[in-house]
Amino acid sequence: MNRRLRNALVVTATVTAGFLMTACEEGTAGASGADPAAASDSGSTKAADSSPSSAGAQDKSSTDNTNSSETGNGGNGDAKHSGAEAGDKSGYGQSCGTNDLTWSAKRMTQAGGYYQVSVKAKSGITCVLPGGLPVIAFGSGGTQAGPAEQSAGAEITLSGGRTVYAGVSPKSTSGDGGTEYSTVIVSVTGDDPDPISLEIGSVLVDQPVVTNWHTDPQDAVPFTS
């Protein structure tokens, strides 16, 4: 092979190798160019897919917070409404119980001698004393006083320092008969679970009687004749 032909072959081989390397680089570059775009599109798709989920989580969180706030306000509202009712209704229109009252008994000389029982509501209490007479019984034997009046009295509302009175005559019979007692048991009604015992000193009791409640102590004098 002569020198000219050998040089021609070398040139041809060099050119061919150059074309092959260029084609490989273009193929690689083309593949690389496609992948970033695809990756970008894929990333965008993933971001778009994840965005609603995030928004949904935010919406749920917002909804939960709103519900929690409404529940709290409702509880407070309920709580305020309940406190207002208890404050407005306290003591008003309720019947007096024996323990709602301050009791006292004082011996009087009028009408042959009797005991003036007086009551008033304790501090901060407003209550209604039923019409009629108090329940009065002497000693542990429970000798109960009957009515000294034929008709029942009216209801009386007690509040502050208002005082009402009932008169008890321990003996409505003539003669020397009777039983001596030194205490009197008092209550507003017969079924009251908390009657109160008052010391009155030794007194002869026989068929006792008691008046209704009166706002004027002179109306509470038990005339037995």
C-alpha atoms as a PDB file:
ATOM      1  CA  MET A   1       0.000   0.000   0.000  1.00  0.00           C
ATOM      2  CA  ASN A   2       1.497   3.327  -1.031  1.00  0.00           C
ATOM      3  CA  ARG A   3       1.860   6.263   1.275  1.00  0.00           C
ATOM      4  CA  ARG A   4      -0.933   8.314  -0.292  1.00  0.00           C
ATOM      5  CA  LEU A   5      -3.540   5.547   0.182  1.00  0.00           C
ATOM      6  CA  ARG A   6      -2.492   5.016   3.783  1.00  0.00           C
ATOM      7  CA  ASN A   7      -2.933   8.679   4.582  1.00  0.00           C
ATOM      8  CA  ALA A   8      -6.385   8.638   2.958  1.00  0.00           C
ATOM      9  CA  LEU A   9      -7.456   5.707   5.151  1.00  0.00           C
ATOM     10  CA  VAL A  10      -6.229   7.465   8.287  1.00  0.00           C
ATOM     11  CA  VAL A  11      -8.206  10.595   7.391  1.00  0.00           C
ATOM     12  CA  THR A  12     -11.333   8.553   6.645  1.00  0.00           C
ATOM     13  CA  ALA A  13     -11.090   6.686   9.974  1.00  0.00           C
ATOM     14  CA  THR A  14     -10.606   9.930  11.859  1.00  0.00           C
ATOM     15  CA  VAL A  15     -13.641  11.542  10.213  1.00  0.00           C
ATOM     16  CA  THR A  16     -15.788   8.461  10.859  1.00  0.00           C
ATOM     17  CA  ALA A  17     -14.817   8.407  14.560  1.00  0.00           C
ATOM     18  CA  GLY A  18     -15.686  12.087  14.822  1.00  0.00           C
ATOM     19  CA  PHE A  19     -19.158  11.515  13.376  1.00  0.00           C
ATOM     20  CA  LEU A  20     -19.774   8.620  15.786  1.00  0.00           C
ATOM     21  CA  MET A  21     -18.731  10.638  18.829  1.00  0.00           C
ATOM     22  CA  THR A  22     -20.928  13.584  17.766  1.00  0.00           C
ATOM     23  CA  ALA A  23     -23.938  11.299  17.278  1.00  0.00           C
ATOM     24  CA  CYS A  24     -23.415   9.748  20.717  1.00  0.00           C
ATOM     25  CA  GLU A  25     -23.156  13.170  22.380  1.00  0.00           C
ATOM     26  CA  GLU A  26     -26.321  14.413  20.641  1.00  0.00           C
ATOM     27  CA  GLY A  27     -28.207  11.266  21.696  1.00  0.00           C
ATOM     28  CA  THR A  28     -27.049  11.707  25.273  1.00  0.00           C
ATOM     29  CA  ALA A  29     -27.836  15.392  25.227  1.00  0.00           C
ATOM     30  CA  GLY A  30     -31.274  14.666  23.746  1.00  0.00           C
ATOM     31  CA  ALA A  31     -31.980  12.107  26.419  1.00  0.00           C
ATOM     32  CA  SER A  32     -30.753  14.491  29.118  1.00  0.00           C
ATOM     33  CA  GLY A  33     -32.863  17.338  27.704  1.00  0.00           C
ATOM     34  CA  ALA A  34     -36.008  15.203  27.756  1.00  0.00           C
ATOM     35  CA  ASP A  35     -35.527  13.951  31.304  1.00  0.00           C
ATOM     36  CA  PRO A  36     -35.341  17.362  33.030  1.00  0.00           C
ATOM     37  CA  ALA A  37     -38.525  18.464  31.269  1.00  0.00           C
ATOM     38  CA  ALA A  38     -40.240  15.232  32.188  1.00  0.00           C
ATOM     39  CA  ALA A  39     -38.933  15.511  35.728  1.00  0.00           C
ATOM     40  CA  SER A  40     -40.138  19.116  35.861  1.00  0.00           C
ATOM     41  CA  ASP A  41     -43.578  18.102  34.601  1.00  0.00           C
ATOM     42  CA  SER A  42     -43.653  15.205  37.028  1.00  0.00           C
ATOM     43  CA  GLY A  43     -42.594  17.504  39.868  1.00  0.00           C
ATOM     44  CA  SER A  44     -45.305  19.989  38.912  1.00  0.00           C
ATOM     45  CA  THR A  45     -47.872  17.208  38.831  1.00  0.00           C
ATOM     46  CA  LYS A  46     -46.766  15.956  42.242  1.00  0.00           C
ATOM     47  CA  ALA A  47     -46.838  19.472  43.629  1.00  0.00           C
ATOM     48  CA  ALA A  48     -50.325  20.000  42.210  1.00  0.00           C
ATOM     49  CA  ASP A  49     -51.451  16.663  43.632  1.00  0.00           C
ATOM     50  CA  SER A  50     -50.049  17.430  47.067  1.00  0.00           C
ATOM     51  CA  SER A  51     -51.406  20.990  47.143  1.00  0.00           C
ATOM     52  CA  PRO A  52     -55.122  20.004  47.512  1.00  0.00           C
ATOM     53  CA  SER A  53     -54.153  17.614  50.278  1.00  0.00           C
ATOM     54  CA  SER A  54     -52.380  20.420  52.103  1.00  0.00           C
ATOM     55  CA  ALA A  55     -55.297  22.762  51.491  1.00  0.00           C
ATOM     56  CA  GLY A  56     -57.657  20.085  52.744  1.00  0.00           C
ATOM     57  CA  ALA A  57     -55.608  19.714  55.908  1.00  0.00           C
ATOM     58  CA  GLN A  58     -55.685  23.490  56.384  1.00  0.00           C
ATOM     59  CA  ASP A  59     -59.457  23.556  55.804  1.00  0.00           C
ATOM     60  CA  LYS A  60     -59.940  20.708  58.311  1.00  0.00           C
ATOM     61  CA  SER A  61     -57.745  22.494  60.840  1.00  0.00           C
ATOM     62  CA  SER A  62     -59.698  25.700  60.296  1.00  0.00           C
ATOM     63  CA  THR A  63     -63.006  23.836  60.633  1.00  0.00           C
ATOM     64  CA  ASP A  64     -61.831  22.091  63.798  1.00  0.00           C
ATOM     65  CA  ASN A  65     -60.764  25.406  65.296  1.00  0.00           C
ATOM     66  CA  THR A  66     -64.118  26.976  64.401  1.00  0.00           C
ATOM     67  CA  ASN A  67     -66.054  24.077  65.902  1.00  0.00           C
ATOM     68  CA  SER A  68     -63.928  24.191  69.039  1.00  0.00           C
ATOM     69  CA  SER A  69     -64.528  27.938  69.371  1.00  0.00           C
ATOM     70  CA  GLU A  70     -68.279  27.549  68.907  1.00  0.00           C
ATOM     71  CA  THR A  71     -68.435  24.757  71.486  1.00  0.00           C
ATOM     72  CA  GLY A  72     -66.541  26.848  74.005  1.00  0.00           C
ATOM     73  CA  ASN A  73     -68.795  29.851  73.454  1.00  0.00           C
ATOM     74  CA  GLY A  74     -71.841  27.649  73.812  1.00  0.00           C
ATOM     75  CA  GLY A  75     -70.564  26.266  77.094  1.00  0.00           C
ATOM     76  CA  ASN A  76     -69.815  29.743  78.386  1.00  0.00           C
ATOM     77  CA  GLY A  77     -73.213  30.924  77.191  1.00  0.00           C
ATOM     78  CA  ASP A  78     -74.895  28.019  78.882  1.00  0.00           C
ATOM     79  CA  ALA A  79     -72.810  28.658  81.883  1.00  0.00           C
ATOM     80  CA  LYS A  80     -73.749  32.396  82.053  1.00  0.00           C
ATOM     81  CA  HIS A  81     -77.418  31.737  81.373  1.00  0.00           C
ATOM     82  CA  SER A  82     -77.551  29.163  84.280  1.00  0.00           C
ATOM     83  CA  GLY A  83     -75.766  31.560  86.744  1.00  0.00           C
ATOM     84  CA  ALA A  84     -78.200  34.421  85.895  1.00  0.00           C
ATOM     85  CA  GLU A  85     -81.267  32.263  86.610  1.00  0.00           C
ATOM     86  CA  ALA A  86     -79.919  31.106  89.970  1.00  0.00           C
ATOM     87  CA  GLY A  87     -79.159  34.712  90.989  1.00  0.00           C
ATOM     88  CA  ASP A  88     -82.540  36.133  89.904  1.00  0.00           C
ATOM     89  CA  LYS A  89     -84.676  33.428  91.551  1.00  0.00           C
ATOM     90  CA  SER A  90     -82.823  33.084  94.840  1.00  0.00           C
ATOM     91  CA  GLY A  91     -85.317  32.895  97.709  1.00  0.00           C
ATOM     92  CA  TYR A  92     -88.152  34.552  95.806  1.00  0.00           C
ATOM     93  CA  GLY A  93     -91.590  32.951  96.078  1.00  0.00           C
ATOM     94  CA  GLN A  94     -90.374  29.958  98.109  1.00  0.00           C
ATOM     95  CA  SER A  95     -92.223  28.694 101.180  1.00  0.00           C
ATOM     96  CA  CYS A  96     -90.481  29.307 104.479  1.00  0.00           C
ATOM     97  CA  GLY A  97     -88.914  26.298 106.147  1.00  0.00           C
ATOM     98  CA  THR A  98     -88.357  26.202 109.897  1.00  0.00           C
ATOM     99  CA  ASN A  99     -84.593  26.632 109.436  1.00  0.00           C
ATOM    100  CA  ASP A 100     -85.134  29.700 107.215  1.00  0.00           C
ATOM    101  CA  LEU A 101     -86.419  31.597 110.252  1.00  0.00           C
ATOM    102  CA  THR A 102     -85.137  33.018 113.528  1.00  0.00           C
ATOM    103  CA  TRP A 103     -87.493  31.950 116.332  1.00  0.00           C
ATOM    104  CA  SER A 104     -88.109  33.310 119.820  1.00  0.00           C
ATOM    105  CA  ALA A 105     -90.679  32.817 122.577  1.00  0.00           C
ATOM    106  CA  LYS A 106     -91.477  35.353 125.281  1.00  0.00           C
ATOM    107  CA  ARG A 107     -93.807  34.992 128.269  1.00  0.00           C
ATOM    108  CA  MET A 108     -96.590  37.578 128.371  1.00  0.00           C
ATOM    109  CA  THR A 109     -98.998  38.456 131.237  1.00  0.00           C
ATOM    110  CA  GLN A 110    -101.969  39.560 129.175  1.00  0.00           C
ATOM    111  CA  ALA A 111    -105.032  37.287 128.833  1.00  0.00           C
ATOM    112  CA  GLY A 112    -104.133  35.242 131.885  1.00  0.00           C
ATOM    113  CA  GLY A 113    -100.617  34.564 130.661  1.00  0.00           C
ATOM    114  CA  TYR A 114     -99.440  33.249 127.281  1.00  0.00           C
ATOM    115  CA  TYR A 115     -96.291  32.903 125.177  1.00  0.00           C
ATOM    116  CA  GLN A 116     -95.618  35.181 122.243  1.00  0.00           C
ATOM    117  CA  VAL A 117     -93.804  33.267 119.503  1.00  0.00           C
ATOM    118  CA  SER A 118     -92.148  35.491 116.917  1.00  0.00           C
ATOM    119  CA  VAL A 119     -90.261  34.727 113.709  1.00  0.00           C
ATOM    120  CA  LYS A 120     -88.351  36.605 111.027  1.00  0.00           C
ATOM    121  CA  ALA A 121     -86.394  35.485 107.985  1.00  0.00           C
ATOM    122  CA  LYS A 122     -82.678  34.914 108.373  1.00  0.00           C
ATOM    123  CA  SER A 123     -80.314  37.316 106.625  1.00  0.00           C
ATOM    124  CA  GLY A 124     -80.455  37.064 102.810  1.00  0.00           C
ATOM    125  CA  ILE A 125     -83.648  34.956 102.751  1.00  0.00           C
ATOM    126  CA  THR A 126     -87.011  35.925 101.293  1.00  0.00           C
ATOM    127  CA  CYS A 127     -89.784  33.377 101.801  1.00  0.00           C
ATOM    128  CA  VAL A 128     -93.531  32.999 102.183  1.00  0.00           C
ATOM    129  CA  LEU A 129     -95.014  31.928 105.497  1.00  0.00           C
ATOM    130  CA  PRO A 130     -98.117  29.784 104.863  1.00  0.00           C
ATOM    131  CA  GLY A 131    -101.461  31.058 106.096  1.00  0.00           C
ATOM    132  CA  GLY A 132    -102.792  29.535 109.290  1.00  0.00           C
ATOM    133  CA  LEU A 133    -101.154  28.664 112.569  1.00  0.00           C
ATOM    134  CA  PRO A 134     -97.661  27.372 113.384  1.00  0.00           C
ATOM    135  CA  VAL A 135     -97.129  23.872 114.715  1.00  0.00           C
ATOM    136  CA  ILE A 136     -96.622  24.100 118.473  1.00  0.00           C
ATOM    137  CA  ALA A 137     -96.050  21.114 120.764  1.00  0.00           C
ATOM    138  CA  PHE A 138     -94.916  21.081 124.374  1.00  0.00           C
ATOM    139  CA  GLY A 139     -92.134  18.849 125.630  1.00  0.00           C
ATOM    140  CA  SER A 140     -91.027  15.455 124.391  1.00  0.00           C
ATOM    141  CA  GLY A 141     -94.563  14.126 124.908  1.00  0.00           C
ATOM    142  CA  GLY A 142     -95.686  16.279 121.989  1.00  0.00           C
ATOM    143  CA  THR A 143     -98.809  17.871 123.496  1.00  0.00           C
ATOM    144  CA  GLN A 144     -99.836  19.871 120.442  1.00  0.00           C
ATOM    145  CA  ALA A 145    -101.656  23.187 120.557  1.00  0.00           C
ATOM    146  CA  GLY A 146    -104.993  23.461 118.800  1.00  0.00           C
ATOM    147  CA  PRO A 147    -106.313  26.501 116.903  1.00  0.00           C
ATOM    148  CA  ALA A 148    -107.315  29.564 118.908  1.00  0.00           C
ATOM    149  CA  GLU A 149    -109.010  31.082 115.848  1.00  0.00           C
ATOM    150  CA  GLN A 150    -111.764  29.681 113.664  1.00  0.00           C
ATOM    151  CA  SER A 151    -110.465  30.916 110.293  1.00  0.00           C
ATOM    152  CA  ALA A 152    -107.018  30.614 108.722  1.00  0.00           C
ATOM    153  CA  GLY A 153    -104.855  33.656 108.175  1.00  0.00           C
ATOM    154  CA  ALA A 154    -103.311  34.924 104.943  1.00  0.00           C
ATOM    155  CA  GLU A 155     -99.848  34.108 103.611  1.00  0.00           C
ATOM    156  CA  ILE A 156     -97.135  36.503 104.752  1.00  0.00           C
ATOM    157  CA  THR A 157     -93.889  37.248 102.892  1.00  0.00           C
ATOM    158  CA  LEU A 158     -90.894  37.542 105.182  1.00  0.00           C
ATOM    159  CA  SER A 159     -87.751  39.436 104.255  1.00  0.00           C
ATOM    160  CA  GLY A 160     -85.261  41.670 106.014  1.00  0.00           C
ATOM    161  CA  GLY A 161     -86.350  42.581 109.555  1.00  0.00           C
ATOM    162  CA  ARG A 162     -90.070  41.935 109.132  1.00  0.00           C
ATOM    163  CA  THR A 163     -91.373  40.039 112.179  1.00  0.00           C
ATOM    164  CA  VAL A 164     -94.649  38.157 112.631  1.00  0.00           C
ATOM    165  CA  TYR A 165     -96.253  36.804 115.774  1.00  0.00           C
ATOM    166  CA  ALA A 166     -98.387  33.946 117.093  1.00  0.00           C
ATOM    167  CA  GLY A 167     -99.775  33.655 120.626  1.00  0.00           C
ATOM    168  CA  VAL A 168     -99.725  30.348 122.540  1.00  0.00           C
ATOM    169  CA  SER A 169    -101.867  29.725 125.586  1.00  0.00           C
ATOM    170  CA  PRO A 170    -100.486  26.636 127.380  1.00  0.00           C
ATOM    171  CA  LYS A 171    -103.688  26.041 129.355  1.00  0.00           C
ATOM    172  CA  SER A 172    -107.182  26.637 128.033  1.00  0.00           C
ATOM    173  CA  THR A 173    -108.993  24.701 130.786  1.00  0.00           C
ATOM    174  CA  SER A 174    -110.010  25.695 134.272  1.00  0.00           C
ATOM    175  CA  GLY A 175    -108.796  23.912 137.389  1.00  0.00           C
ATOM    176  CA  ASP A 176    -105.405  22.696 138.447  1.00  0.00           C
ATOM    177  CA  GLY A 177    -104.994  19.777 136.034  1.00  0.00           C
ATOM    178  CA  GLY A 178    -102.247  19.548 133.468  1.00  0.00           C
ATOM    179  CA  THR A 179     -98.615  18.541 132.862  1.00  0.00           C
ATOM    180  CA  GLU A 180     -95.580  20.689 133.441  1.00  0.00           C
ATOM    181  CA  TYR A 181     -93.160  21.304 130.539  1.00  0.00           C
ATOM    182  CA  SER A 182     -90.146  23.536 130.126  1.00  0.00           C
ATOM    183  CA  THR A 183     -89.687  23.424 126.337  1.00  0.00           C
ATOM    184  CA  VAL A 184     -91.875  24.063 123.341  1.00  0.00           C
ATOM    185  CA  ILE A 185     -91.254  22.443 119.936  1.00  0.00           C
ATOM    186  CA  VAL A 186     -92.028  24.763 116.992  1.00  0.00           C
ATOM    187  CA  SER A 187     -92.119  24.356 113.199  1.00  0.00           C
ATOM    188  CA  VAL A 188     -93.781  25.956 110.192  1.00  0.00           C
ATOM    189  CA  THR A 189     -95.633  22.801 109.105  1.00  0.00           C
ATOM    190  CA  GLY A 190     -96.326  19.398 110.603  1.00  0.00           C
ATOM    191  CA  ASP A 191     -94.132  17.546 108.100  1.00  0.00           C
ATOM    192  CA  ASP A 192     -91.097  19.818 108.558  1.00  0.00           C
ATOM    193  CA  PRO A 193     -88.064  17.534 109.218  1.00  0.00           C
ATOM    194  CA  ASP A 194     -86.214  20.142 111.328  1.00  0.00           C
ATOM    195  CA  PRO A 195     -88.378  21.437 114.205  1.00  0.00           C
ATOM    196  CA  ILE A 196     -86.789  23.749 116.773  1.00  0.00           C
ATOM    197  CA  SER A 197     -86.916  23.459 120.565  1.00  0.00           C
ATOM    198  CA  LEU A 198     -87.311  26.666 122.606  1.00  0.00           C
ATOM    199  CA  GLU A 199     -86.766  26.937 126.367  1.00  0.00           C
ATOM    200  CA  ILE A 200     -89.759  28.567 128.109  1.00  0.00           C
ATOM    201  CA  GLY A 201     -89.288  27.612 131.777  1.00  0.00           C
ATOM    202  CA  SER A 202     -91.636  25.423 133.746  1.00  0.00           C
ATOM    203  CA  VAL A 203     -95.283  25.826 132.723  1.00  0.00           C
ATOM    204  CA  LEU A 204     -98.473  23.856 133.339  1.00  0.00           C
ATOM    205  CA  VAL A 205     -99.942  22.655 130.060  1.00  0.00           C
ATOM    206  CA  ASP A 206    -103.472  21.423 129.453  1.00  0.00           C
ATOM    207  CA  GLN A 207    -105.224  21.624 126.076  1.00  0.00           C
ATOM    208  CA  PRO A 208    -102.995  24.428 124.726  1.00  0.00           C
ATOM    209  CA  VAL A 209    -104.121  26.684 121.835  1.00  0.00           C
ATOM    210  CA  VAL A 210    -102.260  28.913 119.360  1.00  0.00           C
ATOM    211  CA  THR A 211    -103.301  31.805 117.104  1.00  0.00           C
ATOM    212  CA  ASN A 212    -102.532  32.295 113.429  1.00  0.00           C
ATOM    213  CA  TRP A 213     -99.525  34.327 112.324  1.00  0.00           C
ATOM    214  CA  HIS A 214    -100.107  38.093 112.605  1.00  0.00           C
ATOM    215  CA  THR A 215     -98.038  41.125 111.654  1.00  0.00           C
ATOM    216  CA  ASP A 216     -99.437  43.050 114.657  1.00  0.00           C
ATOM    217  CA  PRO A 217     -98.520  41.442 118.000  1.00  0.00           C
ATOM    218  CA  GLN A 218    -101.801  42.645 119.541  1.00  0.00           C
ATOM    219  CA  ASP A 219    -103.690  40.454 117.070  1.00  0.00           C
ATOM    220  CA  ALA A 220    -101.737  37.432 118.318  1.00  0.00           C
ATOM    221  CA  VAL A 221    -103.165  37.471 121.857  1.00  0.00           C
ATOM    222  CA  PRO A 222    -104.968  34.115 122.414  1.00  0.00           C
ATOM    223  CA  PHE A 223    -108.202  34.932 124.220  1.00  0.00           C
ATOM    224  CA  THR A 224    -109.623  31.648 125.419  1.00  0.00           C
ATOM    225  CA  SER A 225    -112.876  32.767 127.012  1.00  0.00           C
END
